[in-house]
Each structure stands twice: as structure tokens, then as C-alpha cells.
Amino acid sequence: MDDHDDQHVDADDSENLDVDHEDYSEMDDHTDDIHGHEAVEMDRVTSPMQEFSMSQVGIGFAVLAVGLAVAFAVPLLAA
């Protein structure tokens, strides 16, 4: 297998690829750029520090009850 097939590139052919990496620099997902409003508002609050109301607690318990019913009660009743 000495001839090179241009239509099929294996992982071992990486040194044979002619790619200009500068063309793909804008597609980098791992950037730390600060854009617009983010430069002004840098105050970040994590979830455990945020206040919540009793109605939000009630909604959370209702979602928990429905989730437990779907996960455990329905399969037990179907068996």
C-alpha cells in the first residue's frame, strides 16, 4: 500500500495533510474573550448563594415527586 489515496485519510496520514491552521483559528471553542456587557458585569453568583422562595421549594418537591413516581412507581406497577 505505497500509493496515497487522496480521498481517504487515515489517522496515520496526519503528516501528509496540507492544512492552514490560521484558517480555523476563529472556530476555537476554548476562548477567554470578554464581549460587550460581560466586561461590565463580572459579578457571578453561584447557585447555593442565591435566595429562593417557598413557592420555588414547593415546585422543586413536586418535580421530585413526579420524577420518583415515573422512575419507581410506574415500573413497579407495570411489572
Protein backbone atom coordinates (compact mmCIF):
# COMPACT_ATOMS: atom_id res chain seq x y z
CA MET A 1 0.00 0.00 0.00
CA ASP A 2 2.57 2.50 -1.17
CA ASP A 3 0.34 4.79 -3.21
CA HIS A 4 -1.53 7.55 -1.39
CA ASP A 5 -5.31 7.80 -1.78
CA ASP A 6 -6.32 11.47 -1.55
CA GLN A 7 -9.97 10.60 -0.95
CA HIS A 8 -9.26 8.59 2.20
CA VAL A 9 -7.16 9.94 5.06
CA ASP A 10 -6.15 7.69 7.93
CA ALA A 11 -5.04 8.87 11.35
CA ASP A 12 -1.50 7.89 10.36
CA ASP A 13 -1.64 10.29 7.39
CA SER A 14 -1.69 13.41 9.58
CA GLU A 15 1.78 14.49 8.48
CA ASN A 16 0.62 14.35 4.84
CA LEU A 17 -2.23 16.81 5.35
CA ASP A 18 -1.76 20.31 4.00
CA VAL A 19 -3.89 22.39 6.38
CA ASP A 20 -3.51 26.07 7.12
CA HIS A 21 -4.41 26.23 10.81
CA GLU A 22 -4.81 30.01 10.70
CA ASP A 23 -7.99 29.48 8.67
CA TYR A 24 -9.53 27.63 11.62
CA SER A 25 -8.41 29.96 14.42
CA GLU A 26 -11.82 31.64 14.58
CA MET A 27 -13.51 28.29 15.26
CA ASP A 28 -11.70 27.69 18.54
CA ASP A 29 -14.34 26.95 21.20
CA HIS A 30 -11.96 27.48 24.09
CA THR A 31 -11.59 31.23 24.25
CA ASP A 32 -11.47 33.54 27.24
CA ASP A 33 -12.58 36.62 25.35
CA ILE A 34 -14.80 39.11 27.15
CA HIS A 35 -17.57 40.52 24.96
CA GLY A 36 -19.71 43.61 25.43
CA HIS A 37 -21.85 43.51 28.56
CA GLU A 38 -19.70 40.77 30.13
CA ALA A 39 -16.86 43.25 30.59
CA VAL A 40 -19.07 45.43 32.80
CA GLU A 41 -20.93 42.71 34.75
CA MET A 42 -18.35 40.36 36.20
CA ASP A 43 -20.30 39.64 39.43
CA ARG A 44 -21.13 35.96 39.24
CA VAL A 45 -23.21 34.31 41.93
CA THR A 46 -23.23 30.54 42.28
CA SER A 47 -26.47 28.67 42.93
CA PRO A 48 -26.08 27.82 46.64
CA MET A 49 -25.69 31.53 47.42
CA GLN A 50 -28.88 32.62 45.65
CA GLU A 51 -32.09 33.13 47.60
CA PHE A 52 -35.22 31.15 46.73
CA SER A 53 -38.86 31.40 47.76
CA MET A 54 -41.10 28.79 49.37
CA SER A 55 -43.08 28.50 46.13
CA GLN A 56 -39.87 27.50 44.35
CA VAL A 57 -39.26 24.89 47.07
CA GLY A 58 -42.79 23.56 46.53
CA ILE A 59 -42.27 23.34 42.78
CA GLY A 60 -38.98 21.52 43.39
CA PHE A 61 -40.66 18.94 45.63
CA ALA A 62 -43.47 18.48 43.08
CA VAL A 63 -40.92 17.84 40.33
CA LEU A 64 -39.12 15.42 42.67
CA ALA A 65 -42.37 13.54 43.39
CA VAL A 66 -43.25 13.22 39.71
CA GLY A 67 -39.71 12.10 38.89
CA LEU A 68 -39.72 9.46 41.62
CA ALA A 69 -43.16 8.25 40.51
CA VAL A 70 -42.01 7.88 36.92
CA ALA A 71 -38.72 6.25 37.91
CA PHE A 72 -40.00 3.79 40.53
CA ALA A 73 -43.80 3.57 40.82
CA VAL A 74 -44.65 3.16 37.14
CA PRO A 75 -42.15 0.31 36.57
CA LEU A 76 -43.33 -1.43 39.75
CA LEU A 77 -46.97 -1.18 38.68
CA ALA A 78 -46.15 -2.40 35.18
CA ALA A 79 -44.34 -5.49 36.49
